[in-house]
Amino acid sequence: MKQNKLITTILCVALFLVYNNCRAQTANPSDLPAAKKAIEKINTIYFDLFAKKDSAIVNLYTDDACLLSPNAAPICGKKALEKDFEDTFVDGKVKGVKFLTGAVYGNGNEYITEEGTWQVFDPNGKLLDDGKYLKLWRNTKDGWKIFRDLFNSNHKAQ
């Protein structure tokens, strides 16, 4: 009987130590600056691909990503995102985009939320619109990818 209590106690202590070690790893705030830096680098790639009207931009998104645009149904999945970008590129009204990361939230491991501001420019470099955004990023085997992309304008709809 004493041996069973000892084994149970040892198991409980071991589980407690494993649990606390896992919690410490997932709550490591030191991963946040590295994640922010990676996200800012990916945003730079996004700008370049957008300016080149390169459909490879969809590879910056997860396979199950959703773009949550204002006044529109969600656009989910790479095929739908690819069509949306192609439509935007063909339209020709938008030449460039710019994101400015304000803050990132999360644990730096599986998901990160990016908060920031955006601007959209016409082919002459004139500002067409600006607003704010939230992006939920997922850490995949291929690095950080956009999982959810939500934005809206700072201006009333016309």
N, C-alpha and C. Protein backbone atom coordinates (compact mmCIF):
# COMPACT_ATOMS: atom_id res chain seq x y z
N MET A 1 0.82 -1.20 0.00
CA MET A 1 0.00 0.00 0.00
C MET A 1 0.86 1.26 0.00
N LYS A 2 1.93 1.26 0.84
CA LYS A 2 2.82 2.42 0.87
C LYS A 2 3.50 2.61 -0.47
N GLN A 3 3.81 1.50 -1.15
CA GLN A 3 4.47 1.59 -2.45
C GLN A 3 3.55 2.25 -3.48
N ASN A 4 2.25 1.93 -3.45
CA ASN A 4 1.28 2.54 -4.37
C ASN A 4 1.17 4.04 -4.13
N LYS A 5 1.16 4.46 -2.85
CA LYS A 5 1.09 5.89 -2.53
C LYS A 5 2.35 6.61 -3.02
N LEU A 6 3.50 5.96 -2.84
CA LEU A 6 4.75 6.56 -3.28
C LEU A 6 4.76 6.71 -4.81
N ILE A 7 4.34 5.68 -5.52
CA ILE A 7 4.28 5.73 -6.99
C ILE A 7 3.30 6.81 -7.44
N THR A 8 2.13 6.87 -6.79
CA THR A 8 1.14 7.89 -7.13
C THR A 8 1.70 9.29 -6.89
N THR A 9 2.39 9.49 -5.78
CA THR A 9 2.98 10.78 -5.47
C THR A 9 4.04 11.16 -6.49
N ILE A 10 4.89 10.21 -6.84
CA ILE A 10 5.94 10.46 -7.82
C ILE A 10 5.32 10.83 -9.17
N LEU A 11 4.28 10.10 -9.59
CA LEU A 11 3.60 10.40 -10.84
C LEU A 11 2.97 11.79 -10.82
N CYS A 12 2.33 12.13 -9.72
CA CYS A 12 1.71 13.46 -9.61
C CYS A 12 2.76 14.56 -9.70
N VAL A 13 3.88 14.39 -9.01
CA VAL A 13 4.95 15.39 -9.06
C VAL A 13 5.51 15.48 -10.48
N ALA A 14 5.71 14.34 -11.13
CA ALA A 14 6.23 14.33 -12.50
C ALA A 14 5.27 15.04 -13.45
N LEU A 15 3.98 14.75 -13.33
CA LEU A 15 2.99 15.42 -14.19
C LEU A 15 2.95 16.91 -13.92
N PHE A 16 3.04 17.29 -12.67
CA PHE A 16 3.06 18.71 -12.31
C PHE A 16 4.26 19.41 -12.96
N LEU A 17 5.45 18.78 -12.88
CA LEU A 17 6.65 19.37 -13.46
C LEU A 17 6.55 19.47 -14.98
N VAL A 18 6.03 18.42 -15.63
CA VAL A 18 5.87 18.43 -17.08
C VAL A 18 4.87 19.52 -17.47
N TYR A 19 3.75 19.61 -16.75
CA TYR A 19 2.72 20.61 -17.05
C TYR A 19 3.30 22.02 -16.94
N ASN A 20 4.02 22.29 -15.85
CA ASN A 20 4.60 23.63 -15.66
C ASN A 20 5.67 23.93 -16.70
N ASN A 21 6.45 22.94 -17.09
CA ASN A 21 7.46 23.15 -18.13
C ASN A 21 6.79 23.49 -19.45
N CYS A 22 5.70 22.80 -19.80
CA CYS A 22 4.97 23.09 -21.04
C CYS A 22 4.37 24.49 -21.00
N ARG A 23 3.81 24.87 -19.87
CA ARG A 23 3.23 26.21 -19.73
C ARG A 23 4.30 27.27 -19.88
N ALA A 24 5.47 27.03 -19.30
CA ALA A 24 6.55 28.01 -19.40
C ALA A 24 7.00 28.15 -20.85
N GLN A 25 7.04 27.05 -21.58
CA GLN A 25 7.46 27.11 -22.97
C GLN A 25 6.44 27.85 -23.83
N THR A 26 5.15 27.66 -23.60
CA THR A 26 4.14 28.29 -24.44
C THR A 26 3.89 29.74 -24.05
N ALA A 27 4.36 30.14 -22.91
CA ALA A 27 4.14 31.52 -22.47
C ALA A 27 5.44 32.33 -22.52
N ASN A 28 6.37 31.91 -23.35
CA ASN A 28 7.66 32.54 -23.41
C ASN A 28 7.58 33.86 -24.17
N PRO A 29 7.55 34.99 -23.46
CA PRO A 29 7.43 36.27 -24.14
C PRO A 29 8.66 36.63 -24.96
N SER A 30 9.78 35.93 -24.76
CA SER A 30 10.97 36.24 -25.55
C SER A 30 10.80 35.83 -27.01
N ASP A 31 9.82 34.98 -27.32
CA ASP A 31 9.57 34.59 -28.70
C ASP A 31 8.82 35.67 -29.47
N LEU A 32 8.18 36.58 -28.77
CA LEU A 32 7.37 37.61 -29.41
C LEU A 32 8.20 38.56 -30.29
N PRO A 33 9.32 39.08 -29.84
CA PRO A 33 10.10 39.96 -30.73
C PRO A 33 10.57 39.24 -32.00
N ALA A 34 10.95 37.99 -31.89
CA ALA A 34 11.39 37.24 -33.08
C ALA A 34 10.22 37.04 -34.04
N ALA A 35 9.04 36.75 -33.49
CA ALA A 35 7.85 36.58 -34.32
C ALA A 35 7.50 37.89 -35.01
N LYS A 36 7.58 39.00 -34.29
CA LYS A 36 7.27 40.32 -34.88
C LYS A 36 8.23 40.63 -36.02
N LYS A 37 9.50 40.34 -35.81
CA LYS A 37 10.50 40.59 -36.85
C LYS A 37 10.21 39.73 -38.09
N ALA A 38 9.86 38.47 -37.89
CA ALA A 38 9.53 37.58 -39.01
C ALA A 38 8.30 38.08 -39.76
N ILE A 39 7.30 38.53 -39.03
CA ILE A 39 6.06 39.03 -39.64
C ILE A 39 6.35 40.31 -40.45
N GLU A 40 7.15 41.20 -39.92
CA GLU A 40 7.49 42.42 -40.65
C GLU A 40 8.25 42.08 -41.94
N LYS A 41 9.11 41.07 -41.90
CA LYS A 41 9.84 40.64 -43.09
C LYS A 41 8.87 40.07 -44.13
N ILE A 42 7.91 39.28 -43.68
CA ILE A 42 6.91 38.71 -44.60
C ILE A 42 6.05 39.82 -45.18
N ASN A 43 5.71 40.83 -44.40
CA ASN A 43 4.95 41.97 -44.92
C ASN A 43 5.71 42.68 -46.04
N THR A 44 7.03 42.77 -45.93
CA THR A 44 7.84 43.37 -46.98
C THR A 44 7.75 42.54 -48.26
N ILE A 45 7.78 41.23 -48.12
CA ILE A 45 7.61 40.33 -49.27
C ILE A 45 6.22 40.54 -49.88
N TYR A 46 5.22 40.68 -49.03
CA TYR A 46 3.84 40.93 -49.48
C TYR A 46 3.79 42.18 -50.37
N PHE A 47 4.42 43.28 -49.90
CA PHE A 47 4.41 44.54 -50.66
C PHE A 47 5.02 44.33 -52.05
N ASP A 48 6.15 43.63 -52.08
CA ASP A 48 6.84 43.39 -53.36
C ASP A 48 5.98 42.55 -54.30
N LEU A 49 5.40 41.48 -53.79
CA LEU A 49 4.56 40.61 -54.63
C LEU A 49 3.33 41.37 -55.13
N PHE A 50 2.74 42.18 -54.25
CA PHE A 50 1.57 42.97 -54.65
C PHE A 50 1.94 43.94 -55.76
N ALA A 51 3.06 44.64 -55.60
CA ALA A 51 3.48 45.61 -56.61
C ALA A 51 3.76 44.95 -57.95
N LYS A 52 4.23 43.70 -57.92
CA LYS A 52 4.52 42.95 -59.15
C LYS A 52 3.28 42.24 -59.70
N LYS A 53 2.16 42.35 -58.98
CA LYS A 53 0.93 41.64 -59.35
C LYS A 53 1.18 40.14 -59.46
N ASP A 54 1.93 39.63 -58.50
CA ASP A 54 2.36 38.23 -58.50
C ASP A 54 1.39 37.40 -57.66
N SER A 55 0.77 36.42 -58.29
CA SER A 55 -0.21 35.59 -57.58
C SER A 55 0.45 34.70 -56.52
N ALA A 56 1.77 34.65 -56.48
CA ALA A 56 2.47 33.90 -55.43
C ALA A 56 2.19 34.50 -54.05
N ILE A 57 1.57 35.66 -54.03
CA ILE A 57 1.21 36.30 -52.77
C ILE A 57 0.34 35.37 -51.90
N VAL A 58 -0.44 34.51 -52.54
CA VAL A 58 -1.31 33.60 -51.77
C VAL A 58 -0.50 32.60 -50.95
N ASN A 59 0.76 32.39 -51.30
CA ASN A 59 1.60 31.46 -50.53
C ASN A 59 2.00 32.03 -49.18
N LEU A 60 1.70 33.30 -48.95
CA LEU A 60 1.94 33.89 -47.64
C LEU A 60 0.80 33.57 -46.67
N TYR A 61 -0.26 32.96 -47.19
CA TYR A 61 -1.44 32.58 -46.41
C TYR A 61 -1.45 31.07 -46.17
N THR A 62 -2.10 30.65 -45.09
CA THR A 62 -2.29 29.21 -44.86
C THR A 62 -3.30 28.68 -45.88
N ASP A 63 -3.34 27.37 -46.05
CA ASP A 63 -4.29 26.77 -47.00
C ASP A 63 -5.73 27.08 -46.64
N ASP A 64 -6.01 27.24 -45.34
CA ASP A 64 -7.38 27.48 -44.88
C ASP A 64 -7.59 28.94 -44.42
N ALA A 65 -6.79 29.83 -44.96
CA ALA A 65 -6.87 31.24 -44.58
C ALA A 65 -8.17 31.88 -45.05
N CYS A 66 -8.56 32.94 -44.36
CA CYS A 66 -9.74 33.74 -44.75
C CYS A 66 -9.37 35.22 -44.74
N LEU A 67 -9.79 35.90 -45.80
CA LEU A 67 -9.69 37.35 -45.89
C LEU A 67 -11.06 37.90 -45.53
N LEU A 68 -11.11 38.74 -44.51
CA LEU A 68 -12.38 39.27 -44.00
C LEU A 68 -12.45 40.76 -44.33
N SER A 69 -12.86 41.03 -45.55
CA SER A 69 -12.95 42.41 -46.05
C SER A 69 -14.25 43.06 -45.59
N PRO A 70 -14.27 44.38 -45.48
CA PRO A 70 -15.51 45.06 -45.09
C PRO A 70 -16.57 44.93 -46.19
N ASN A 71 -17.79 44.83 -45.76
CA ASN A 71 -18.95 44.79 -46.67
C ASN A 71 -18.88 43.67 -47.70
N ALA A 72 -18.30 42.54 -47.33
CA ALA A 72 -18.16 41.42 -48.25
C ALA A 72 -18.17 40.11 -47.46
N ALA A 73 -18.54 39.05 -48.14
CA ALA A 73 -18.48 37.73 -47.52
C ALA A 73 -17.02 37.33 -47.34
N PRO A 74 -16.73 36.47 -46.37
CA PRO A 74 -15.35 36.01 -46.20
C PRO A 74 -14.83 35.32 -47.47
N ILE A 75 -13.57 35.52 -47.76
CA ILE A 75 -12.91 34.86 -48.89
C ILE A 75 -11.94 33.86 -48.27
N CYS A 76 -12.27 32.58 -48.40
CA CYS A 76 -11.52 31.54 -47.70
C CYS A 76 -10.92 30.52 -48.65
N GLY A 77 -9.72 30.09 -48.32
CA GLY A 77 -9.02 29.09 -49.10
C GLY A 77 -8.16 29.74 -50.17
N LYS A 78 -7.10 29.04 -50.55
CA LYS A 78 -6.13 29.62 -51.49
C LYS A 78 -6.72 29.91 -52.87
N LYS A 79 -7.61 29.04 -53.37
CA LYS A 79 -8.19 29.30 -54.69
C LYS A 79 -9.02 30.58 -54.68
N ALA A 80 -9.82 30.77 -53.65
CA ALA A 80 -10.63 31.98 -53.55
C ALA A 80 -9.75 33.22 -53.37
N LEU A 81 -8.70 33.09 -52.57
CA LEU A 81 -7.77 34.21 -52.38
C LEU A 81 -7.06 34.55 -53.69
N GLU A 82 -6.65 33.53 -54.42
CA GLU A 82 -5.98 33.75 -55.69
C GLU A 82 -6.89 34.52 -56.65
N LYS A 83 -8.16 34.13 -56.72
CA LYS A 83 -9.11 34.83 -57.59
C LYS A 83 -9.28 36.28 -57.14
N ASP A 84 -9.38 36.49 -55.84
CA ASP A 84 -9.54 37.85 -55.32
C ASP A 84 -8.34 38.72 -55.69
N PHE A 85 -7.13 38.20 -55.51
CA PHE A 85 -5.94 38.97 -55.88
C PHE A 85 -5.89 39.21 -57.38
N GLU A 86 -6.21 38.19 -58.18
CA GLU A 86 -6.21 38.37 -59.64
C GLU A 86 -7.19 39.46 -60.05
N ASP A 87 -8.39 39.45 -59.44
CA ASP A 87 -9.39 40.49 -59.73
C ASP A 87 -8.85 41.87 -59.37
N THR A 88 -8.17 41.97 -58.24
CA THR A 88 -7.59 43.24 -57.80
C THR A 88 -6.50 43.69 -58.77
N PHE A 89 -5.65 42.75 -59.19
CA PHE A 89 -4.56 43.08 -60.10
C PHE A 89 -5.08 43.52 -61.47
N VAL A 90 -6.10 42.83 -61.98
CA VAL A 90 -6.67 43.14 -63.29
C VAL A 90 -7.36 44.49 -63.28
N ASP A 91 -8.01 44.80 -62.16
CA ASP A 91 -8.74 46.07 -62.02
C ASP A 91 -7.82 47.25 -62.32
N GLY A 92 -6.59 47.19 -61.83
CA GLY A 92 -5.60 48.23 -62.12
C GLY A 92 -5.74 49.50 -61.31
N LYS A 93 -6.74 49.60 -60.46
CA LYS A 93 -6.94 50.83 -59.68
C LYS A 93 -5.97 50.92 -58.51
N VAL A 94 -5.53 49.74 -58.02
CA VAL A 94 -4.64 49.69 -56.88
C VAL A 94 -3.26 49.24 -57.34
N LYS A 95 -2.24 50.03 -57.02
CA LYS A 95 -0.87 49.69 -57.42
C LYS A 95 -0.07 49.14 -56.25
N GLY A 96 -0.29 49.70 -55.08
CA GLY A 96 0.53 49.29 -53.95
C GLY A 96 -0.22 49.34 -52.64
N VAL A 97 0.33 48.61 -51.66
CA VAL A 97 -0.21 48.59 -50.32
C VAL A 97 0.95 48.76 -49.34
N LYS A 98 0.62 49.24 -48.16
CA LYS A 98 1.63 49.40 -47.13
C LYS A 98 1.00 49.05 -45.79
N PHE A 99 1.69 48.23 -44.99
CA PHE A 99 1.25 47.90 -43.64
C PHE A 99 2.27 48.46 -42.67
N LEU A 100 1.79 48.94 -41.55
CA LEU A 100 2.67 49.37 -40.47
C LEU A 100 2.25 48.61 -39.22
N THR A 101 3.07 47.68 -38.81
CA THR A 101 2.79 46.88 -37.63
C THR A 101 2.89 47.76 -36.39
N GLY A 102 1.80 47.81 -35.63
CA GLY A 102 1.81 48.57 -34.38
C GLY A 102 2.23 47.70 -33.21
N ALA A 103 1.59 46.54 -33.09
CA ALA A 103 1.87 45.64 -31.97
C ALA A 103 1.57 44.21 -32.39
N VAL A 104 2.18 43.29 -31.70
CA VAL A 104 1.85 41.88 -31.86
C VAL A 104 1.51 41.32 -30.48
N TYR A 105 0.57 40.40 -30.48
CA TYR A 105 0.11 39.80 -29.24
C TYR A 105 0.16 38.28 -29.38
N GLY A 106 0.37 37.61 -28.31
CA GLY A 106 0.37 36.15 -28.32
C GLY A 106 1.59 35.62 -27.61
N ASN A 107 1.84 34.33 -27.81
CA ASN A 107 2.94 33.70 -27.10
C ASN A 107 4.16 33.47 -27.98
N GLY A 108 4.06 33.79 -29.25
CA GLY A 108 5.20 33.62 -30.14
C GLY A 108 5.42 32.20 -30.59
N ASN A 109 4.50 31.31 -30.28
CA ASN A 109 4.66 29.91 -30.66
C ASN A 109 3.73 29.52 -31.80
N GLU A 110 2.47 29.24 -31.49
CA GLU A 110 1.56 28.74 -32.52
C GLU A 110 0.82 29.85 -33.27
N TYR A 111 0.31 30.85 -32.54
CA TYR A 111 -0.44 31.95 -33.15
C TYR A 111 0.08 33.29 -32.65
N ILE A 112 -0.01 34.28 -33.52
CA ILE A 112 0.33 35.66 -33.17
C ILE A 112 -0.75 36.55 -33.80
N THR A 113 -1.18 37.56 -33.08
CA THR A 113 -2.08 38.55 -33.64
C THR A 113 -1.28 39.82 -33.90
N GLU A 114 -1.37 40.31 -35.12
CA GLU A 114 -0.71 41.54 -35.51
C GLU A 114 -1.76 42.64 -35.63
N GLU A 115 -1.49 43.79 -35.04
CA GLU A 115 -2.38 44.94 -35.13
C GLU A 115 -1.61 46.07 -35.80
N GLY A 116 -2.26 46.74 -36.74
CA GLY A 116 -1.54 47.81 -37.39
C GLY A 116 -2.44 48.68 -38.25
N THR A 117 -1.79 49.48 -39.08
CA THR A 117 -2.50 50.35 -40.01
C THR A 117 -2.06 50.00 -41.43
N TRP A 118 -2.92 50.34 -42.40
CA TRP A 118 -2.63 50.06 -43.80
C TRP A 118 -2.94 51.27 -44.65
N GLN A 119 -2.33 51.27 -45.83
CA GLN A 119 -2.60 52.29 -46.84
C GLN A 119 -2.65 51.60 -48.20
N VAL A 120 -3.49 52.12 -49.10
CA VAL A 120 -3.60 51.61 -50.47
C VAL A 120 -3.36 52.78 -51.41
N PHE A 121 -2.54 52.53 -52.45
CA PHE A 121 -2.15 53.59 -53.38
C PHE A 121 -2.57 53.27 -54.81
N ASP A 122 -2.86 54.30 -55.58
CA ASP A 122 -3.19 54.12 -57.00
C ASP A 122 -1.88 54.02 -57.81
N PRO A 123 -1.96 53.78 -59.12
CA PRO A 123 -0.74 53.65 -59.94
C PRO A 123 0.17 54.88 -59.93
N ASN A 124 -0.37 56.04 -59.59
CA ASN A 124 0.44 57.26 -59.52
C ASN A 124 1.00 57.53 -58.13
N GLY A 125 0.75 56.61 -57.20
CA GLY A 125 1.25 56.78 -55.84
C GLY A 125 0.34 57.58 -54.94
N LYS A 126 -0.84 57.96 -55.44
CA LYS A 126 -1.80 58.73 -54.64
C LYS A 126 -2.50 57.80 -53.65
N LEU A 127 -2.64 58.27 -52.42
CA LEU A 127 -3.33 57.50 -51.39
C LEU A 127 -4.81 57.37 -51.73
N LEU A 128 -5.29 56.13 -51.85
CA LEU A 128 -6.70 55.88 -52.13
C LEU A 128 -7.52 55.68 -50.86
N ASP A 129 -6.93 55.00 -49.90
CA ASP A 129 -7.66 54.68 -48.68
C ASP A 129 -6.64 54.28 -47.61
N ASP A 130 -7.07 54.37 -46.36
CA ASP A 130 -6.24 53.91 -45.26
C ASP A 130 -7.14 53.43 -44.14
N GLY A 131 -6.59 52.62 -43.26
CA GLY A 131 -7.38 52.08 -42.17
C GLY A 131 -6.54 51.28 -41.20
N LYS A 132 -7.22 50.37 -40.52
CA LYS A 132 -6.55 49.53 -39.53
C LYS A 132 -6.83 48.07 -39.85
N TYR A 133 -6.00 47.20 -39.26
CA TYR A 133 -6.15 45.77 -39.52
C TYR A 133 -5.74 44.93 -38.33
N LEU A 134 -6.22 43.73 -38.34
CA LEU A 134 -5.76 42.66 -37.45
C LEU A 134 -5.47 41.46 -38.33
N LYS A 135 -4.33 40.85 -38.12
CA LYS A 135 -4.00 39.61 -38.81
C LYS A 135 -3.70 38.57 -37.75
N LEU A 136 -4.28 37.41 -37.92
CA LEU A 136 -3.96 36.28 -37.08
C LEU A 136 -3.00 35.41 -37.87
N TRP A 137 -1.81 35.24 -37.35
CA TRP A 137 -0.76 34.46 -38.00
C TRP A 137 -0.66 33.09 -37.35
N ARG A 138 -0.41 32.08 -38.15
CA ARG A 138 -0.19 30.72 -37.63
C ARG A 138 1.24 30.30 -37.98
N ASN A 139 1.91 29.74 -37.00
CA ASN A 139 3.25 29.22 -37.21
C ASN A 139 3.12 27.82 -37.82
N THR A 140 3.55 27.67 -39.06
CA THR A 140 3.44 26.40 -39.78
C THR A 140 4.83 25.79 -39.95
N LYS A 141 4.87 24.61 -40.54
CA LYS A 141 6.17 23.97 -40.80
C LYS A 141 7.00 24.82 -41.76
N ASP A 142 6.34 25.69 -42.52
CA ASP A 142 7.03 26.58 -43.47
C ASP A 142 7.23 27.98 -42.91
N GLY A 143 6.99 28.17 -41.62
CA GLY A 143 7.14 29.49 -40.99
C GLY A 143 5.79 30.16 -40.78
N TRP A 144 5.83 31.44 -40.42
CA TRP A 144 4.61 32.20 -40.14
C TRP A 144 3.84 32.44 -41.43
N LYS A 145 2.51 32.18 -41.36
CA LYS A 145 1.62 32.43 -42.49
C LYS A 145 0.35 33.10 -41.97
N ILE A 146 -0.29 33.88 -42.84
CA ILE A 146 -1.51 34.59 -42.46
C ILE A 146 -2.66 33.58 -42.44
N PHE A 147 -3.35 33.51 -41.30
CA PHE A 147 -4.48 32.60 -41.12
C PHE A 147 -5.81 33.35 -41.26
N ARG A 148 -5.90 34.52 -40.68
CA ARG A 148 -7.07 35.39 -40.81
C ARG A 148 -6.57 36.81 -41.05
N ASP A 149 -7.22 37.51 -41.97
CA ASP A 149 -6.82 38.85 -42.36
C ASP A 149 -8.07 39.72 -42.36
N LEU A 150 -8.17 40.60 -41.39
CA LEU A 150 -9.35 41.45 -41.18
C LEU A 150 -8.93 42.90 -41.24
N PHE A 151 -9.65 43.70 -42.03
CA PHE A 151 -9.30 45.11 -42.12
C PHE A 151 -10.55 45.94 -42.40
N ASN A 152 -10.45 47.23 -42.09
CA ASN A 152 -11.50 48.18 -42.46
C ASN A 152 -10.90 49.57 -42.60
N SER A 153 -11.66 50.41 -43.29
CA SER A 153 -11.22 51.77 -43.61
C SER A 153 -11.43 52.71 -42.43
N ASN A 154 -10.65 53.77 -42.44
CA ASN A 154 -10.87 54.85 -41.47
C ASN A 154 -11.92 55.85 -41.96
N HIS A 155 -12.46 55.59 -43.16
CA HIS A 155 -13.39 56.54 -43.79
C HIS A 155 -14.76 55.89 -44.01
N LYS A 156 -15.78 56.71 -44.03
CA LYS A 156 -17.14 56.23 -44.31
C LYS A 156 -17.23 55.73 -45.73
N ALA A 157 -18.04 54.69 -45.93
CA ALA A 157 -18.26 54.17 -47.28
C ALA A 157 -18.96 55.24 -48.12
N GLN A 158 -18.59 55.32 -49.38
CA GLN A 158 -19.19 56.34 -50.25
C GLN A 158 -20.19 55.74 -51.19
